[in-house]
Protein backbone atom coordinates (compact mmCIF):
# COMPACT_ATOMS: atom_id res chain seq x y z
CA MET A 1 20.26 -1.90 3.26
CA ARG A 2 18.67 -5.28 2.73
CA ILE A 3 15.22 -5.81 1.19
CA ALA A 4 13.39 -9.73 1.80
CA ILE A 5 11.41 -10.32 -0.94
CA ASP A 6 8.59 -13.27 -0.95
CA ALA A 7 9.59 -14.60 -4.21
CA MET A 8 6.54 -17.14 -4.07
CA GLY A 9 3.84 -14.15 -3.56
CA GLY A 10 2.08 -13.60 -6.35
CA ASP A 11 -0.16 -14.61 -9.43
CA PHE A 12 3.09 -14.80 -11.35
CA ALA A 13 5.62 -15.97 -8.99
CA PRO A 14 8.38 -16.63 -9.42
CA ALA A 15 9.07 -15.59 -12.38
CA GLU A 16 7.83 -12.03 -12.58
CA ILE A 17 9.07 -11.27 -9.00
CA VAL A 18 12.14 -12.46 -9.70
CA LYS A 19 12.56 -10.22 -13.21
CA GLY A 20 11.45 -7.13 -11.45
CA ALA A 21 14.37 -7.72 -8.60
CA LEU A 22 16.82 -8.15 -11.59
CA GLN A 23 15.52 -5.10 -13.20
CA VAL A 24 16.13 -2.76 -10.65
CA ALA A 25 19.19 -4.61 -9.02
CA PRO A 26 21.40 -2.56 -10.88
CA GLU A 27 20.05 0.60 -9.89
CA LEU A 28 20.58 -0.10 -6.06
CA PRO A 29 24.04 -1.07 -6.12
CA GLU A 30 24.27 -0.87 -2.34
CA THR A 31 21.26 -2.23 -1.72
CA SER A 32 20.70 -6.28 -1.07
CA LEU A 33 18.09 -7.99 -2.46
CA ILE A 34 16.92 -11.34 -1.00
CA LEU A 35 15.11 -13.70 -2.86
CA ILE A 36 13.23 -15.98 -0.51
CA GLY A 37 11.28 -19.23 -1.36
CA ASN A 38 11.94 -22.32 -3.55
CA LYS A 39 15.08 -21.96 -4.61
CA GLU A 40 15.17 -24.52 -7.81
CA GLU A 41 12.36 -22.53 -9.83
CA ILE A 42 13.99 -19.02 -8.75
CA GLU A 43 17.34 -20.20 -10.26
CA LYS A 44 15.22 -21.21 -13.63
CA HIS A 45 14.35 -17.48 -14.01
CA ILE A 46 17.92 -15.96 -13.22
CA GLN A 47 21.03 -16.11 -15.63
CA GLY A 48 23.89 -13.89 -14.71
CA ARG A 49 22.93 -13.45 -11.22
CA PRO A 50 23.85 -9.59 -10.29
CA VAL A 51 26.02 -9.69 -7.11
CA ASN A 52 23.43 -8.09 -5.10
CA ILE A 53 20.94 -10.70 -5.55
CA GLU A 54 20.95 -13.50 -2.59
CA ILE A 55 18.71 -16.51 -2.66
CA VAL A 56 17.12 -18.41 0.55
CA PRO A 57 15.43 -21.53 0.18
CA ALA A 58 11.84 -22.06 1.66
CA SER A 59 10.38 -24.97 1.34
CA GLN A 60 6.27 -23.87 1.40
CA VAL A 61 4.19 -21.47 0.09
CA ILE A 62 1.09 -19.42 1.42
CA ALA A 63 -1.43 -19.38 -1.28
CA MET A 64 -4.18 -16.81 -2.07
CA GLU A 65 -6.98 -18.42 -0.67
CA GLU A 66 -5.70 -19.33 2.43
CA SER A 67 -6.87 -18.43 5.79
CA PRO A 68 -3.98 -15.82 6.84
CA LEU A 69 -3.97 -16.35 10.79
CA ASP A 70 -3.62 -20.37 9.86
CA ALA A 71 -1.20 -20.08 7.02
CA ILE A 72 1.12 -17.88 9.24
CA ARG A 73 0.74 -20.44 12.20
CA GLN A 74 0.87 -23.59 10.05
CA LYS A 75 3.56 -22.98 7.21
CA GLN A 76 6.56 -21.90 9.31
CA ASP A 77 8.78 -22.45 6.57
CA SER A 78 6.75 -20.69 4.02
CA SER A 79 8.48 -17.56 1.59
CA LEU A 80 6.18 -15.15 3.29
CA VAL A 81 6.77 -16.00 6.92
CA ARG A 82 11.06 -16.47 6.32
CA CYS A 83 10.75 -12.91 5.27
CA PHE A 84 8.91 -11.61 8.36
CA GLN A 85 11.54 -13.83 10.09
CA PHE A 86 14.48 -12.13 8.30
CA VAL A 87 13.26 -8.50 9.55
CA SER A 88 12.93 -9.73 12.84
CA GLU A 89 16.47 -11.05 13.30
CA ASN A 90 17.80 -7.73 11.48
CA LYS A 91 18.79 -9.77 8.67
CA ALA A 92 16.77 -7.56 6.24
CA ASP A 93 15.36 -3.82 6.61
CA ALA A 94 11.80 -4.12 4.82
CA LEU A 95 9.65 -6.78 3.28
CA ILE A 96 8.06 -6.88 -0.30
CA SER A 97 5.35 -9.36 -0.72
CA ALA A 98 2.42 -9.49 -3.85
CA GLY A 99 1.02 -12.58 -2.18
CA ASN A 100 -1.67 -13.38 0.52
CA THR A 101 -3.06 -9.97 1.48
CA GLY A 102 -4.84 -10.87 5.05
CA ALA A 103 -1.53 -13.14 5.81
CA ALA A 104 1.16 -10.11 5.03
CA VAL A 105 -1.32 -8.21 7.59
CA ALA A 106 -1.47 -10.65 9.96
CA GLY A 107 2.26 -11.38 9.52
CA ALA A 108 3.39 -8.40 10.27
CA THR A 109 1.34 -7.80 13.26
CA ILE A 110 2.43 -10.91 14.92
CA PHE A 111 6.30 -11.24 14.24
CA TRP A 112 7.28 -7.10 14.08
CA GLY A 113 4.30 -5.71 16.52
CA LEU A 114 2.65 -2.39 16.21
CA LEU A 115 4.96 1.00 16.64
CA PRO A 116 4.71 2.45 19.93
CA GLY A 117 1.20 4.37 20.35
CA ILE A 118 -0.49 3.13 17.21
CA LYS A 119 -3.69 1.02 17.55
CA ARG A 120 -4.14 -0.28 14.23
CA ALA A 121 -2.23 -0.64 11.40
CA GLY A 122 -3.68 0.68 8.13
CA ILE A 123 -2.65 -0.08 4.42
CA SER A 124 -2.39 2.77 2.03
CA ILE A 125 -2.91 2.73 -1.46
CA PRO A 126 -1.80 5.49 -4.27
CA LEU A 127 -5.04 6.81 -6.20
CA PRO A 128 -4.60 8.92 -9.45
CA THR A 129 -5.84 12.28 -9.46
CA GLU A 130 -5.89 15.07 -11.64
CA LYS A 131 -3.56 17.07 -9.41
CA GLY A 132 -1.08 14.04 -9.36
CA ILE A 133 -1.24 11.37 -6.60
CA SER A 134 -3.31 10.81 -3.60
CA TYR A 135 -3.24 8.14 -0.59
CA LEU A 136 -6.33 6.51 -0.09
CA ILE A 137 -6.13 4.67 3.84
CA ASP A 138 -7.35 2.20 5.17
CA VAL A 139 -8.30 -0.25 2.26
CA GLY A 140 -8.74 -3.56 4.20
CA ALA A 141 -6.41 -3.97 7.23
CA ASN A 142 -9.13 -2.82 9.70
CA ILE A 143 -12.54 -3.20 9.31
CA TYR A 144 -14.09 -2.46 12.63
CA CYS A 145 -12.65 1.01 13.76
CA HIS A 146 -12.73 3.80 16.54
CA PRO A 147 -12.32 7.23 15.83
CA ILE A 148 -8.90 6.58 17.41
CA HIS A 149 -7.72 4.25 14.35
CA LEU A 150 -9.35 6.95 11.48
CA LEU A 151 -7.00 10.04 13.18
CA GLN A 152 -3.78 7.29 13.16
CA TYR A 153 -4.24 6.53 9.46
CA GLY A 154 -4.36 10.17 8.94
CA ILE A 155 -1.58 11.03 10.46
CA MET A 156 0.77 8.30 9.55
CA ALA A 157 -0.38 8.50 5.83
CA SER A 158 0.39 12.35 5.84
CA VAL A 159 3.75 11.49 7.30
CA TYR A 160 4.68 9.06 4.83
CA ILE A 161 3.38 11.61 1.75
CA LYS A 162 5.73 14.34 3.80
CA TYR A 163 9.07 12.09 3.20
CA ILE A 164 8.42 9.88 0.46
CA LYS A 165 6.86 12.01 -1.65
CA LYS A 166 8.06 15.66 -0.40
CA ILE A 167 5.08 17.46 0.19
CA GLU A 168 5.65 19.68 3.18
CA ASN A 169 2.29 19.82 4.63
CA PRO A 170 -0.28 17.49 2.77
CA ARG A 171 -3.94 18.18 2.99
CA VAL A 172 -5.62 15.44 5.14
CA GLY A 173 -9.54 14.63 4.46
CA LEU A 174 -12.20 12.26 5.80
CA LEU A 175 -14.33 10.25 3.14
CA ASN A 176 -17.82 10.96 4.15
CA ILE A 177 -21.64 11.24 2.94
CA GLY A 178 -21.50 15.50 2.99
CA GLU A 179 -19.34 17.91 3.51
CA GLU A 180 -21.09 19.61 6.89
CA ASP A 181 -19.39 18.11 10.05
CA SER A 182 -22.92 16.86 11.38
CA LYS A 183 -22.93 14.45 8.38
CA GLY A 184 -22.24 10.85 8.33
CA ASN A 185 -22.54 8.30 11.25
CA LEU A 186 -21.18 8.18 14.57
CA LEU A 187 -17.91 7.24 13.94
CA VAL A 188 -17.53 9.90 10.89
CA GLN A 189 -18.50 12.63 13.05
CA GLU A 190 -16.36 12.03 16.29
CA THR A 191 -13.14 11.26 14.18
CA TRP A 192 -13.67 14.74 12.24
CA LYS A 193 -13.27 16.12 16.08
CA LEU A 194 -10.74 14.27 16.90
CA MET A 195 -8.75 15.13 13.34
CA LYS A 196 -9.74 18.82 14.19
CA LYS A 197 -7.61 18.42 17.18
CA ALA A 198 -4.59 16.69 15.62
CA PRO A 199 -0.95 17.88 14.22
CA ILE A 200 -2.43 17.73 10.63
CA ASN A 201 -3.51 20.02 7.49
CA PHE A 202 -6.87 18.45 8.26
CA VAL A 203 -9.89 20.10 5.39
CA GLY A 204 -12.40 18.41 6.48
CA ASN A 205 -15.34 15.92 4.96
CA ILE A 206 -14.97 14.88 1.51
CA GLU A 207 -17.42 13.11 -0.51
CA GLY A 208 -16.95 10.17 -2.73
CA ASN A 209 -16.96 11.96 -5.96
CA ASP A 210 -14.17 14.07 -5.27
CA LEU A 211 -11.52 11.16 -4.57
CA PHE A 212 -9.96 11.84 -8.02
CA ASN A 213 -10.09 15.79 -7.98
CA GLY A 214 -6.65 16.09 -6.16
CA GLU A 215 -8.24 18.46 -3.50
CA CYS A 216 -6.30 16.66 -0.71
CA GLU A 217 -3.25 14.51 -0.73
CA VAL A 218 -4.44 11.93 1.88
CA ILE A 219 -8.06 10.63 2.06
CA VAL A 220 -9.04 8.81 5.43
CA CYS A 221 -11.69 5.66 5.35
CA GLU A 222 -12.64 2.69 7.37
CA GLY A 223 -11.26 -0.71 6.13
CA PHE A 224 -14.47 -2.08 4.47
CA VAL A 225 -15.14 1.57 2.43
CA GLY A 226 -11.70 1.35 1.04
CA ASN A 227 -11.60 -1.82 -0.07
CA VAL A 228 -14.87 -1.65 -1.70
CA ILE A 229 -13.36 1.44 -3.31
CA LEU A 230 -10.63 0.16 -4.47
CA LYS A 231 -12.21 -3.00 -6.32
CA VAL A 232 -14.36 -0.40 -7.72
CA THR A 233 -12.04 1.79 -8.64
CA GLU A 234 -10.08 -0.81 -10.37
CA GLY A 235 -12.98 -2.74 -12.17
CA CYS A 236 -14.39 0.76 -13.65
CA ALA A 237 -10.70 1.75 -15.16
CA ASP A 238 -10.41 -1.78 -16.51
CA PHE A 239 -14.19 -1.70 -18.39
CA PHE A 240 -13.83 1.61 -20.20
CA THR A 241 -10.41 1.39 -20.65
CA ARG A 242 -11.34 -2.00 -23.01
CA LYS A 243 -14.50 -0.28 -23.77
CA VAL A 244 -13.05 2.79 -25.35
CA PHE A 245 -10.06 1.02 -27.23
CA SER A 246 -12.39 -1.31 -28.38
CA LEU A 247 -14.38 1.66 -30.32
CA LEU A 248 -11.57 3.04 -31.15
CA THR A 249 -9.97 0.35 -32.86
CA ARG A 250 -12.95 -0.41 -34.94
CA ALA A 251 -13.29 3.66 -35.98
CA LYS A 252 -9.76 3.71 -37.07
CA GLN A 253 -10.49 1.77 -40.53
CA GLN A 254 -12.47 4.50 -41.24
CA PHE A 255 -10.50 7.85 -39.41
CA PRO A 256 -6.79 7.30 -39.35
CA GLN A 257 -6.30 10.06 -37.05
CA ILE A 258 -7.67 8.61 -34.56
CA ASP A 259 -4.19 7.19 -33.98
CA SER A 260 -3.11 10.05 -31.60
CA LEU A 261 -5.88 10.06 -29.49
CA MET A 262 -5.21 6.63 -28.82
CA HIS A 263 -1.61 7.53 -27.84
CA LEU A 264 -3.24 10.16 -25.13
CA LEU A 265 -5.68 7.05 -23.91
CA ASP A 266 -2.20 5.06 -23.51
CA THR A 267 -0.71 7.63 -21.75
CA LEU A 268 -3.99 8.08 -19.22
CA LYS A 269 -3.40 4.16 -19.05
CA LYS A 270 -0.40 4.55 -17.85
CA GLN A 271 -0.89 7.06 -15.32
CA SER A 272 -3.70 4.78 -13.47
CA ASP A 273 -1.76 1.53 -13.89
CA TYR A 274 -1.13 -0.17 -10.16
CA SER A 275 2.62 -1.24 -11.66
CA GLU A 276 3.39 2.24 -11.86
CA TYR A 277 3.44 2.24 -8.00
CA GLY A 278 4.72 -0.45 -7.06
CA GLY A 279 2.36 -1.44 -3.90
CA ALA A 280 0.56 -0.50 -0.63
CA MET A 281 2.29 0.69 2.39
CA LEU A 282 1.65 -1.40 5.64
CA LEU A 283 1.45 2.04 8.06
CA GLY A 284 1.55 0.99 11.61
CA VAL A 285 3.67 -2.14 11.96
CA ASN A 286 7.30 -1.95 13.51
CA GLY A 287 9.13 -2.50 10.36
CA ILE A 288 8.79 -1.80 6.61
CA CYS A 289 5.76 -3.50 4.46
CA ILE A 290 5.23 -3.59 0.76
CA ILE A 291 1.80 -5.16 -0.26
CA SER A 292 2.03 -5.35 -3.90
CA HIS A 293 -0.99 -6.41 -6.41
CA GLY A 294 -1.51 -10.27 -6.52
CA ARG A 295 -1.31 -9.35 -10.17
CA SER A 296 1.99 -7.65 -10.27
CA ASN A 297 4.34 -8.00 -13.20
CA ALA A 298 8.23 -7.03 -13.16
CA LYS A 299 7.64 -3.93 -13.43
CA ALA A 300 5.33 -3.51 -10.50
CA ILE A 301 8.00 -5.19 -8.38
CA SER A 302 11.21 -3.20 -9.07
CA ASN A 303 8.90 0.07 -8.02
CA ALA A 304 7.94 -1.61 -5.05
CA ILE A 305 11.52 -2.47 -4.27
CA LYS A 306 12.30 1.28 -4.61
CA VAL A 307 8.98 2.70 -2.33
CA ALA A 308 10.91 -0.16 0.30
CA SER A 309 14.34 1.65 -0.19
CA GLU A 310 13.10 4.93 -0.01
CA SER A 311 10.93 4.10 3.04
CA VAL A 312 14.20 2.83 4.85
CA LYS A 313 15.99 5.48 3.78
CA TYR A 314 14.07 8.31 5.34
CA GLN A 315 13.31 6.47 8.67
CA ILE A 316 9.28 6.46 7.94
CA ASN A 317 8.74 4.81 11.03
CA ASN A 318 10.63 6.78 13.29
CA ASN A 319 8.87 9.57 11.88
CA ILE A 320 5.74 8.25 12.28
CA ILE A 321 6.34 8.28 16.25
CA ARG A 322 7.62 11.51 16.30
CA GLU A 323 4.52 13.29 14.67
CA LEU A 324 2.21 10.97 16.87
CA HIS A 325 3.33 12.40 19.87
CA LYS A 326 2.34 15.72 19.17
CA THR A 327 -1.16 15.29 18.98
CA LYS A 328 -2.53 15.77 22.62
CA LEU A 329 -6.21 14.38 23.11
CA THR A 330 -7.92 14.42 26.69
CA TRP A 331 -8.67 11.53 28.43
CA LEU A 332 -12.54 12.45 27.42
CA ASP A 333 -11.77 12.20 23.52
CA LEU A 334 -10.05 8.91 24.38
CA LEU A 335 -13.10 7.48 26.15
CA LYS A 336 -15.54 9.16 23.62
CA SER A 337 -13.66 7.33 20.68
CA TRP A 338 -13.64 3.81 22.33
CA ARG A 339 -17.27 3.98 23.10
CA THR A 340 -17.90 5.17 19.09
CA TYR A 341 -17.03 2.10 16.41
CA ARG A 342 -18.36 0.41 13.36
């Protein structure tokens, strides 16, 4: 197995990217980790390179603020584009990048195309809940949706969780402003009808205050809403963690027993830390692409490599195609879907 890694993508590249690859390399001796980017910069952070790490030079870098399409077209020797080319040419089986998310989505669609039958790609992220982990899809790959897109998001995320998280029949919820099927806009109402016909464990609508209770393993929404949820969740988690630790640190002078409480909060912080999960899976493209957080540290990168390795091992894309073909929709269903959009 070979995994192409965008060594120049992310706020802490290439240092943390290289460090993450070095950390996980001994755990995956049969996997070749291909670091693509500025060779001199990469080598500064490598001492005693493991035999399963390879360096491939690339002279350009796609910055976070660049226009995704323009960057992909104009920077053909960028580390990210070279990663896409490696997968396209069967020199790698998966790709990992903590760089420009828009460029990663655009590049995957341009270089690899979509899986047969899939209409739009979606980004799925893990959300910590009271009962474990749920996956939210989509968080920004597609902000103009038809019901068929949301239906396929639910199917793809279900397959991913079934094989990677070993949950046989994951529950799928549709994010809405109420639990009743008559609630919400036309997009959500028509999606509800399609999901009832799909070969998935659809549990109906869920509201925003149910996101973290763990009542379903897959939460489906359009990309605009999902991205807002992602950013609000990150902001709230950071805010409350800082505030609580600050208060406890001041109170510790008077109550030494607070140490045990701070330990518990540290455990909670770890559970909500994005680095524990590696990155987001871009589902629907004809290749394996893991999009890591822009602030990814070495731990996040090493975990992203593990996720990519498992996705290749369990042939996620082949299983998505197989499950997709089990969905039997009439021409009227499809017509209504394409007439309904947001």
